[in-house]
N, C-alpha and C. Protein backbone atom coordinates (compact mmCIF):
# COMPACT_ATOMS: atom_id res chain seq x y z
N GLU A 1 -16.39 0.25 8.53
CA GLU A 1 -17.73 0.33 9.06
C GLU A 1 -18.52 1.35 8.27
N VAL A 2 -19.71 0.97 7.91
CA VAL A 2 -20.60 1.89 7.22
C VAL A 2 -21.58 2.45 8.25
N MET A 3 -21.67 3.77 8.31
CA MET A 3 -22.57 4.40 9.27
C MET A 3 -23.98 4.39 8.71
N SER A 4 -24.94 3.99 9.51
CA SER A 4 -26.33 4.07 9.09
C SER A 4 -26.85 5.47 9.38
N ILE A 5 -28.02 5.76 8.85
CA ILE A 5 -28.59 7.09 8.99
C ILE A 5 -28.86 7.42 10.45
N ASP A 6 -29.29 6.43 11.23
CA ASP A 6 -29.61 6.69 12.63
C ASP A 6 -28.42 6.56 13.57
N SER A 7 -27.19 6.49 13.04
CA SER A 7 -25.99 6.45 13.88
C SER A 7 -25.75 7.81 14.50
N GLU A 8 -25.05 7.78 15.61
CA GLU A 8 -24.70 9.04 16.26
C GLU A 8 -23.65 9.77 15.45
N THR A 9 -23.63 11.07 15.58
CA THR A 9 -22.61 11.88 14.94
C THR A 9 -21.28 11.62 15.63
N PRO A 10 -20.23 11.35 14.85
CA PRO A 10 -18.93 11.07 15.48
C PRO A 10 -18.40 12.29 16.23
N THR A 11 -17.73 12.03 17.33
CA THR A 11 -17.12 13.11 18.12
C THR A 11 -15.63 13.16 17.81
N VAL A 12 -15.00 14.24 18.19
CA VAL A 12 -13.56 14.39 17.98
C VAL A 12 -12.82 13.31 18.77
N LEU A 13 -13.18 13.13 20.03
CA LEU A 13 -12.52 12.13 20.86
C LEU A 13 -12.74 10.73 20.29
N GLY A 14 -13.96 10.43 19.85
CA GLY A 14 -14.24 9.13 19.26
C GLY A 14 -13.43 8.89 18.00
N SER A 15 -13.27 9.92 17.19
CA SER A 15 -12.48 9.82 15.97
C SER A 15 -11.01 9.59 16.27
N ILE A 16 -10.50 10.30 17.27
CA ILE A 16 -9.09 10.13 17.66
C ILE A 16 -8.86 8.72 18.20
N LEU A 17 -9.78 8.25 19.04
CA LEU A 17 -9.63 6.89 19.59
C LEU A 17 -9.71 5.84 18.50
N LYS A 18 -10.61 6.02 17.55
CA LYS A 18 -10.73 5.05 16.45
C LYS A 18 -9.47 5.05 15.58
N ALA A 19 -8.96 6.25 15.24
CA ALA A 19 -7.75 6.35 14.44
C ALA A 19 -6.57 5.72 15.17
N THR A 20 -6.50 5.94 16.48
CA THR A 20 -5.42 5.35 17.28
C THR A 20 -5.52 3.83 17.30
N ARG A 21 -6.74 3.33 17.50
CA ARG A 21 -6.95 1.88 17.51
C ARG A 21 -6.59 1.27 16.16
N LEU A 22 -7.04 1.91 15.08
CA LEU A 22 -6.74 1.40 13.74
C LEU A 22 -5.24 1.35 13.49
N SER A 23 -4.55 2.46 13.80
CA SER A 23 -3.13 2.54 13.46
C SER A 23 -2.26 1.70 14.39
N VAL A 24 -2.49 1.78 15.69
CA VAL A 24 -1.67 0.99 16.62
C VAL A 24 -1.91 -0.50 16.42
N GLY A 25 -3.17 -0.87 16.28
CA GLY A 25 -3.49 -2.29 16.06
C GLY A 25 -2.87 -2.82 14.78
N GLY A 26 -2.97 -2.05 13.70
CA GLY A 26 -2.36 -2.47 12.44
C GLY A 26 -0.85 -2.61 12.55
N CYS A 27 -0.22 -1.67 13.25
CA CYS A 27 1.24 -1.73 13.44
C CYS A 27 1.64 -2.95 14.27
N VAL A 28 0.88 -3.25 15.31
CA VAL A 28 1.19 -4.41 16.16
C VAL A 28 1.05 -5.71 15.36
N VAL A 29 -0.03 -5.84 14.60
CA VAL A 29 -0.23 -7.04 13.78
C VAL A 29 0.92 -7.18 12.78
N GLY A 30 1.29 -6.07 12.13
CA GLY A 30 2.39 -6.11 11.16
C GLY A 30 3.71 -6.51 11.81
N CYS A 31 3.98 -5.99 12.99
CA CYS A 31 5.21 -6.34 13.71
C CYS A 31 5.24 -7.82 14.08
N LEU A 32 4.15 -8.30 14.65
CA LEU A 32 4.11 -9.70 15.08
C LEU A 32 4.26 -10.66 13.91
N LEU A 33 3.52 -10.40 12.83
CA LEU A 33 3.63 -11.29 11.68
C LEU A 33 4.97 -11.14 10.97
N GLY A 34 5.52 -9.93 10.96
CA GLY A 34 6.84 -9.73 10.36
C GLY A 34 7.91 -10.52 11.09
N LEU A 35 7.87 -10.47 12.42
CA LEU A 35 8.85 -11.23 13.21
C LEU A 35 8.65 -12.73 13.03
N LEU A 36 7.38 -13.17 13.02
CA LEU A 36 7.10 -14.59 12.82
C LEU A 36 7.59 -15.07 11.46
N CYS A 37 7.33 -14.29 10.42
CA CYS A 37 7.78 -14.68 9.08
C CYS A 37 9.30 -14.65 8.96
N ALA A 38 9.95 -13.68 9.59
CA ALA A 38 11.41 -13.64 9.58
C ALA A 38 11.97 -14.88 10.25
N LEU A 39 11.34 -15.29 11.34
CA LEU A 39 11.77 -16.51 12.04
C LEU A 39 11.56 -17.74 11.15
N LEU A 40 10.43 -17.81 10.48
CA LEU A 40 10.17 -18.95 9.58
C LEU A 40 11.13 -18.97 8.40
N ILE A 41 11.41 -17.81 7.84
CA ILE A 41 12.33 -17.73 6.70
C ILE A 41 13.75 -18.13 7.10
N SER A 42 14.11 -17.84 8.35
CA SER A 42 15.47 -18.19 8.80
C SER A 42 15.69 -19.69 8.83
N GLY A 43 14.62 -20.48 8.84
CA GLY A 43 14.75 -21.92 8.90
C GLY A 43 14.74 -22.61 7.56
N THR A 44 14.73 -21.86 6.47
CA THR A 44 14.69 -22.48 5.15
C THR A 44 15.72 -21.86 4.23
N ASN A 45 16.00 -22.54 3.14
CA ASN A 45 16.95 -22.05 2.15
C ASN A 45 16.40 -22.28 0.75
N ASP A 46 15.08 -22.20 0.62
CA ASP A 46 14.42 -22.47 -0.66
C ASP A 46 13.70 -21.22 -1.12
N ALA A 47 13.94 -20.81 -2.37
CA ALA A 47 13.38 -19.56 -2.89
C ALA A 47 11.85 -19.58 -2.86
N VAL A 48 11.25 -20.66 -3.33
CA VAL A 48 9.78 -20.73 -3.40
C VAL A 48 9.18 -20.66 -1.99
N THR A 49 9.79 -21.35 -1.05
CA THR A 49 9.29 -21.34 0.33
C THR A 49 9.41 -19.96 0.94
N GLU A 50 10.55 -19.30 0.76
CA GLU A 50 10.75 -17.97 1.32
C GLU A 50 9.77 -16.95 0.73
N ILE A 51 9.56 -17.01 -0.58
CA ILE A 51 8.62 -16.11 -1.23
C ILE A 51 7.20 -16.41 -0.74
N SER A 52 6.87 -17.68 -0.61
CA SER A 52 5.53 -18.07 -0.14
C SER A 52 5.28 -17.60 1.29
N ILE A 53 6.28 -17.70 2.14
CA ILE A 53 6.14 -17.24 3.53
C ILE A 53 5.92 -15.73 3.55
N ALA A 54 6.69 -14.98 2.77
CA ALA A 54 6.55 -13.52 2.75
C ALA A 54 5.18 -13.12 2.20
N LEU A 55 4.76 -13.75 1.11
CA LEU A 55 3.47 -13.42 0.50
C LEU A 55 2.32 -13.80 1.42
N SER A 56 2.41 -14.96 2.03
CA SER A 56 1.37 -15.39 2.97
C SER A 56 1.30 -14.47 4.18
N GLY A 57 2.46 -14.05 4.67
CA GLY A 57 2.49 -13.13 5.81
C GLY A 57 1.79 -11.82 5.50
N MET A 58 2.03 -11.29 4.29
CA MET A 58 1.36 -10.04 3.90
C MET A 58 -0.15 -10.24 3.85
N TYR A 59 -0.57 -11.30 3.21
CA TYR A 59 -2.00 -11.55 3.01
C TYR A 59 -2.70 -11.84 4.34
N ILE A 60 -2.10 -12.70 5.14
CA ILE A 60 -2.69 -13.03 6.44
C ILE A 60 -2.70 -11.81 7.35
N GLY A 61 -1.64 -11.01 7.30
CA GLY A 61 -1.58 -9.79 8.11
C GLY A 61 -2.71 -8.84 7.76
N TYR A 62 -2.94 -8.67 6.46
CA TYR A 62 -4.03 -7.78 6.04
C TYR A 62 -5.38 -8.30 6.51
N LEU A 63 -5.64 -9.57 6.23
CA LEU A 63 -6.94 -10.16 6.61
C LEU A 63 -7.16 -10.16 8.12
N PHE A 64 -6.13 -10.53 8.86
CA PHE A 64 -6.25 -10.60 10.31
C PHE A 64 -6.50 -9.22 10.91
N ALA A 65 -5.72 -8.24 10.46
CA ALA A 65 -5.89 -6.87 10.99
C ALA A 65 -7.29 -6.35 10.66
N GLN A 66 -7.75 -6.55 9.44
CA GLN A 66 -9.09 -6.10 9.06
C GLN A 66 -10.16 -6.79 9.90
N ALA A 67 -10.00 -8.09 10.12
CA ALA A 67 -10.98 -8.85 10.90
C ALA A 67 -11.02 -8.38 12.36
N MET A 68 -9.89 -7.92 12.87
CA MET A 68 -9.82 -7.45 14.25
C MET A 68 -10.24 -5.98 14.39
N GLY A 69 -10.56 -5.34 13.26
CA GLY A 69 -10.97 -3.94 13.30
C GLY A 69 -9.81 -2.97 13.26
N PHE A 70 -8.65 -3.45 12.82
CA PHE A 70 -7.46 -2.61 12.71
C PHE A 70 -7.22 -2.28 11.23
N SER A 71 -6.21 -1.49 10.97
CA SER A 71 -5.87 -1.13 9.60
C SER A 71 -5.03 -2.24 8.95
N GLY A 72 -5.63 -2.90 7.96
CA GLY A 72 -4.91 -3.93 7.23
C GLY A 72 -3.78 -3.37 6.40
N VAL A 73 -3.99 -2.18 5.86
CA VAL A 73 -2.96 -1.54 5.04
C VAL A 73 -1.73 -1.22 5.90
N LEU A 74 -1.94 -0.66 7.09
CA LEU A 74 -0.81 -0.38 7.97
C LEU A 74 -0.11 -1.66 8.41
N ALA A 75 -0.87 -2.73 8.61
CA ALA A 75 -0.26 -4.00 8.98
C ALA A 75 0.68 -4.48 7.88
N VAL A 76 0.27 -4.35 6.64
CA VAL A 76 1.11 -4.78 5.51
C VAL A 76 2.34 -3.87 5.36
N VAL A 77 2.15 -2.56 5.55
CA VAL A 77 3.27 -1.64 5.45
C VAL A 77 4.31 -1.93 6.52
N VAL A 78 3.87 -2.10 7.76
CA VAL A 78 4.81 -2.39 8.86
C VAL A 78 5.44 -3.76 8.65
N PHE A 79 4.68 -4.72 8.17
CA PHE A 79 5.22 -6.05 7.85
C PHE A 79 6.36 -5.90 6.84
N GLY A 80 6.11 -5.14 5.77
CA GLY A 80 7.14 -4.94 4.75
C GLY A 80 8.37 -4.24 5.28
N LEU A 81 8.17 -3.21 6.10
CA LEU A 81 9.31 -2.50 6.68
C LEU A 81 10.13 -3.42 7.58
N LEU A 82 9.44 -4.22 8.37
CA LEU A 82 10.12 -5.14 9.28
C LEU A 82 10.86 -6.22 8.50
N MET A 83 10.24 -6.72 7.44
CA MET A 83 10.90 -7.74 6.63
C MET A 83 12.14 -7.16 5.94
N CYS A 84 12.08 -5.89 5.54
CA CYS A 84 13.27 -5.26 4.93
C CYS A 84 14.37 -5.07 5.97
N ALA A 85 13.97 -4.67 7.18
CA ALA A 85 14.97 -4.38 8.22
C ALA A 85 15.52 -5.63 8.86
N VAL A 86 14.66 -6.60 9.16
CA VAL A 86 15.08 -7.78 9.92
C VAL A 86 15.11 -9.02 9.03
N GLY A 87 14.02 -9.23 8.30
CA GLY A 87 13.88 -10.46 7.52
C GLY A 87 14.86 -10.60 6.38
N SER A 88 15.33 -9.48 5.83
CA SER A 88 16.24 -9.56 4.69
C SER A 88 17.56 -10.22 5.06
N SER A 89 17.95 -10.15 6.32
CA SER A 89 19.20 -10.80 6.74
C SER A 89 19.05 -12.32 6.78
N TYR A 90 17.82 -12.81 6.82
CA TYR A 90 17.57 -14.26 6.85
C TYR A 90 17.32 -14.85 5.47
N ILE A 91 17.09 -14.00 4.48
CA ILE A 91 16.82 -14.51 3.14
C ILE A 91 18.13 -14.96 2.50
N SER A 92 18.11 -16.16 1.96
CA SER A 92 19.33 -16.69 1.36
C SER A 92 19.70 -15.87 0.13
N PRO A 93 21.00 -15.71 -0.12
CA PRO A 93 21.46 -14.88 -1.24
C PRO A 93 20.91 -15.33 -2.59
N SER A 94 20.71 -16.63 -2.78
CA SER A 94 20.19 -17.10 -4.05
C SER A 94 18.72 -16.75 -4.25
N THR A 95 18.03 -16.37 -3.18
CA THR A 95 16.60 -16.06 -3.24
C THR A 95 16.34 -14.58 -3.47
N VAL A 96 17.31 -13.73 -3.18
CA VAL A 96 17.08 -12.28 -3.23
C VAL A 96 16.61 -11.83 -4.61
N GLY A 97 17.27 -12.25 -5.67
CA GLY A 97 16.89 -11.86 -7.03
C GLY A 97 15.48 -12.30 -7.40
N PRO A 98 15.20 -13.63 -7.29
CA PRO A 98 13.83 -14.07 -7.63
C PRO A 98 12.75 -13.41 -6.76
N LYS A 99 13.06 -13.18 -5.49
CA LYS A 99 12.07 -12.56 -4.60
C LYS A 99 11.78 -11.12 -5.04
N HIS A 100 12.83 -10.37 -5.37
CA HIS A 100 12.62 -8.99 -5.82
C HIS A 100 11.84 -8.96 -7.13
N ARG A 101 12.18 -9.85 -8.07
CA ARG A 101 11.46 -9.88 -9.35
C ARG A 101 9.98 -10.24 -9.13
N PHE A 102 9.74 -11.20 -8.26
CA PHE A 102 8.36 -11.61 -7.99
C PHE A 102 7.57 -10.47 -7.35
N MET A 103 8.16 -9.80 -6.36
CA MET A 103 7.46 -8.72 -5.68
C MET A 103 7.23 -7.53 -6.61
N GLU A 104 8.19 -7.24 -7.50
CA GLU A 104 8.00 -6.17 -8.47
C GLU A 104 6.86 -6.51 -9.42
N GLN A 105 6.80 -7.77 -9.87
CA GLN A 105 5.71 -8.19 -10.75
C GLN A 105 4.38 -8.13 -10.03
N LEU A 106 4.36 -8.52 -8.77
CA LEU A 106 3.14 -8.47 -7.97
C LEU A 106 2.67 -7.02 -7.80
N GLY A 107 3.59 -6.12 -7.52
CA GLY A 107 3.25 -4.71 -7.39
C GLY A 107 2.73 -4.13 -8.69
N PHE A 108 3.36 -4.49 -9.80
CA PHE A 108 2.90 -4.02 -11.11
C PHE A 108 1.50 -4.52 -11.42
N THR A 109 1.25 -5.79 -11.13
CA THR A 109 -0.07 -6.37 -11.37
C THR A 109 -1.12 -5.71 -10.49
N ALA A 110 -0.81 -5.50 -9.22
CA ALA A 110 -1.75 -4.84 -8.31
C ALA A 110 -2.07 -3.43 -8.78
N ASN A 111 -1.05 -2.67 -9.20
CA ASN A 111 -1.28 -1.32 -9.72
C ASN A 111 -2.16 -1.34 -10.96
N THR A 112 -1.91 -2.29 -11.84
CA THR A 112 -2.71 -2.41 -13.06
C THR A 112 -4.17 -2.68 -12.72
N ILE A 113 -4.42 -3.58 -11.79
CA ILE A 113 -5.79 -3.90 -11.40
C ILE A 113 -6.46 -2.70 -10.74
N ILE A 114 -5.75 -2.04 -9.83
CA ILE A 114 -6.32 -0.88 -9.13
C ILE A 114 -6.68 0.23 -10.12
N PHE A 115 -5.77 0.56 -11.04
CA PHE A 115 -6.05 1.64 -11.97
C PHE A 115 -7.10 1.26 -13.01
N THR A 116 -7.18 -0.02 -13.36
CA THR A 116 -8.25 -0.47 -14.26
C THR A 116 -9.60 -0.30 -13.60
N PHE A 117 -9.73 -0.76 -12.35
CA PHE A 117 -10.98 -0.60 -11.63
C PHE A 117 -11.31 0.88 -11.40
N SER A 118 -10.31 1.69 -11.10
CA SER A 118 -10.55 3.12 -10.93
C SER A 118 -11.09 3.73 -12.21
N GLY A 119 -10.51 3.37 -13.33
CA GLY A 119 -11.00 3.86 -14.62
C GLY A 119 -12.42 3.42 -14.90
N LEU A 120 -12.74 2.17 -14.57
CA LEU A 120 -14.10 1.68 -14.77
C LEU A 120 -15.10 2.42 -13.89
N ILE A 121 -14.71 2.67 -12.65
CA ILE A 121 -15.61 3.39 -11.72
C ILE A 121 -15.82 4.83 -12.19
N VAL A 122 -14.75 5.49 -12.60
CA VAL A 122 -14.89 6.87 -13.10
C VAL A 122 -15.77 6.89 -14.35
N THR A 123 -15.57 5.92 -15.23
CA THR A 123 -16.40 5.84 -16.44
C THR A 123 -17.86 5.63 -16.08
N TYR A 124 -18.13 4.75 -15.13
CA TYR A 124 -19.50 4.50 -14.69
C TYR A 124 -20.15 5.79 -14.19
N PHE A 125 -19.44 6.51 -13.33
CA PHE A 125 -20.00 7.75 -12.79
C PHE A 125 -20.14 8.82 -13.88
N ALA A 126 -19.22 8.83 -14.83
CA ALA A 126 -19.32 9.81 -15.91
C ALA A 126 -20.57 9.56 -16.75
N PHE A 127 -20.87 8.28 -17.03
CA PHE A 127 -22.07 7.97 -17.81
C PHE A 127 -23.34 8.11 -16.97
N THR A 128 -23.25 7.79 -15.69
CA THR A 128 -24.44 7.87 -14.84
C THR A 128 -24.81 9.31 -14.53
N TYR A 129 -23.83 10.12 -14.22
CA TYR A 129 -24.08 11.51 -13.83
C TYR A 129 -23.52 12.49 -14.85
N GLY A 130 -23.41 12.07 -16.09
CA GLY A 130 -22.78 12.86 -17.13
C GLY A 130 -23.44 14.18 -17.41
N GLU A 131 -24.76 14.26 -17.20
CA GLU A 131 -25.45 15.52 -17.48
C GLU A 131 -25.02 16.63 -16.53
N ARG A 132 -24.44 16.27 -15.41
CA ARG A 132 -23.98 17.27 -14.44
C ARG A 132 -22.57 17.77 -14.76
N VAL A 133 -21.85 17.06 -15.63
CA VAL A 133 -20.48 17.41 -15.97
C VAL A 133 -20.49 18.42 -17.11
N THR A 134 -19.76 19.50 -16.92
CA THR A 134 -19.72 20.55 -17.95
C THR A 134 -18.33 20.60 -18.58
N GLY A 135 -18.18 21.44 -19.55
CA GLY A 135 -16.88 21.63 -20.19
C GLY A 135 -15.85 22.19 -19.23
N TYR A 136 -16.31 22.99 -18.28
CA TYR A 136 -15.40 23.54 -17.27
C TYR A 136 -14.83 22.42 -16.39
N ASP A 137 -15.61 21.39 -16.15
CA ASP A 137 -15.12 20.27 -15.35
C ASP A 137 -13.96 19.57 -16.06
N PHE A 138 -14.10 19.38 -17.37
CA PHE A 138 -13.02 18.75 -18.13
C PHE A 138 -11.79 19.64 -18.16
N LEU A 139 -11.99 20.93 -18.34
CA LEU A 139 -10.87 21.88 -18.32
C LEU A 139 -10.18 21.86 -16.96
N TYR A 140 -10.97 21.86 -15.90
CA TYR A 140 -10.43 21.81 -14.54
C TYR A 140 -9.62 20.52 -14.33
N ALA A 141 -10.13 19.39 -14.81
CA ALA A 141 -9.42 18.11 -14.67
C ALA A 141 -8.09 18.14 -15.41
N ILE A 142 -8.07 18.74 -16.59
CA ILE A 142 -6.81 18.82 -17.35
C ILE A 142 -5.82 19.73 -16.63
N ILE A 143 -6.29 20.84 -16.09
CA ILE A 143 -5.40 21.76 -15.36
C ILE A 143 -4.83 21.07 -14.12
N VAL A 144 -5.67 20.35 -13.39
CA VAL A 144 -5.20 19.63 -12.19
C VAL A 144 -4.18 18.58 -12.59
N TYR A 145 -4.42 17.85 -13.67
CA TYR A 145 -3.48 16.84 -14.15
C TYR A 145 -2.12 17.45 -14.49
N VAL A 146 -2.13 18.55 -15.22
CA VAL A 146 -0.88 19.22 -15.59
C VAL A 146 -0.16 19.73 -14.35
N MET A 147 -0.90 20.34 -13.41
CA MET A 147 -0.29 20.87 -12.20
C MET A 147 0.33 19.76 -11.34
N LEU A 148 -0.37 18.63 -11.23
CA LEU A 148 0.17 17.51 -10.46
C LEU A 148 1.47 16.99 -11.08
N ASN A 149 1.50 16.89 -12.39
CA ASN A 149 2.73 16.42 -13.04
C ASN A 149 3.86 17.42 -12.92
N LEU A 150 3.55 18.71 -13.00
CA LEU A 150 4.58 19.73 -12.80
C LEU A 150 5.11 19.70 -11.36
N THR A 151 4.21 19.51 -10.41
CA THR A 151 4.62 19.41 -9.01
C THR A 151 5.53 18.21 -8.80
N ARG A 152 5.16 17.08 -9.39
CA ARG A 152 5.99 15.86 -9.28
C ARG A 152 7.36 16.09 -9.92
N ALA A 153 7.38 16.70 -11.11
CA ALA A 153 8.65 16.97 -11.78
C ALA A 153 9.52 17.91 -10.95
N PHE A 154 8.91 18.92 -10.35
CA PHE A 154 9.65 19.86 -9.50
C PHE A 154 10.24 19.13 -8.28
N GLY A 155 9.43 18.26 -7.67
CA GLY A 155 9.92 17.49 -6.53
C GLY A 155 11.07 16.57 -6.90
N LEU A 156 10.95 15.91 -8.05
CA LEU A 156 12.05 15.04 -8.51
C LEU A 156 13.30 15.86 -8.82
N PHE A 157 13.11 17.04 -9.40
CA PHE A 157 14.25 17.92 -9.68
C PHE A 157 14.95 18.31 -8.39
N LEU A 158 14.17 18.68 -7.36
CA LEU A 158 14.77 19.08 -6.09
C LEU A 158 15.49 17.92 -5.41
N LEU A 159 14.93 16.72 -5.55
CA LEU A 159 15.51 15.56 -4.88
C LEU A 159 16.52 14.80 -5.74
N SER A 160 16.73 15.23 -6.98
CA SER A 160 17.62 14.49 -7.87
C SER A 160 19.04 14.33 -7.33
N PRO A 161 19.62 15.30 -6.60
CA PRO A 161 20.95 15.05 -6.04
C PRO A 161 20.95 13.87 -5.06
N LEU A 162 19.91 13.78 -4.24
CA LEU A 162 19.83 12.67 -3.29
C LEU A 162 19.56 11.35 -4.02
N LEU A 163 18.70 11.40 -5.02
CA LEU A 163 18.37 10.19 -5.76
C LEU A 163 19.57 9.68 -6.55
N SER A 164 20.38 10.59 -7.10
CA SER A 164 21.53 10.16 -7.90
C SER A 164 22.58 9.50 -7.02
N ARG A 165 22.69 9.93 -5.76
CA ARG A 165 23.65 9.31 -4.84
C ARG A 165 23.21 7.90 -4.45
N SER A 166 21.89 7.66 -4.46
CA SER A 166 21.40 6.34 -4.08
C SER A 166 21.40 5.37 -5.25
N GLY A 167 21.77 5.84 -6.44
CA GLY A 167 21.81 4.97 -7.61
C GLY A 167 20.52 4.96 -8.40
N TYR A 168 19.54 5.77 -8.00
CA TYR A 168 18.25 5.82 -8.70
C TYR A 168 18.40 6.70 -9.92
N LYS A 169 17.94 6.22 -11.07
CA LYS A 169 18.01 6.98 -12.32
C LYS A 169 16.67 7.62 -12.61
N LEU A 170 16.67 8.90 -12.95
CA LEU A 170 15.42 9.59 -13.30
C LEU A 170 15.00 9.24 -14.69
């Protein structure tokens, strides 16, 4: 929702109620569609059909939750968690490999699109409002970038014993 200029100032209670409605509603939509898709997947043994059901469930869950005024992102996250916990037992063994490869490719493509658009938006703002950007802003951006990567490396270093036990390679 976009607030117009003449909208009322949000209250703390209103914000809490809205956040609760968004999150609970998104979680409920994700649960319902996750269970429905797990049930549908249990009735088939075809890789293309199982992948199509999972992909359709994610997309429909997002659209439905957004249309109802709930969080579409939370609906997809809960859908994915439920499919991993419950739906994975219904996926035929011959489908697991192709499904994982397809979902990895889908995630890679989505990340590429998101970061491409982010770069285009940042470039647009840099050219539009470039006279306001100083050398200190670029220096600050480089420092933040380095600090974020150092923080990530430190976190991975701290968690490396746990990650190595799970089979994850750094």
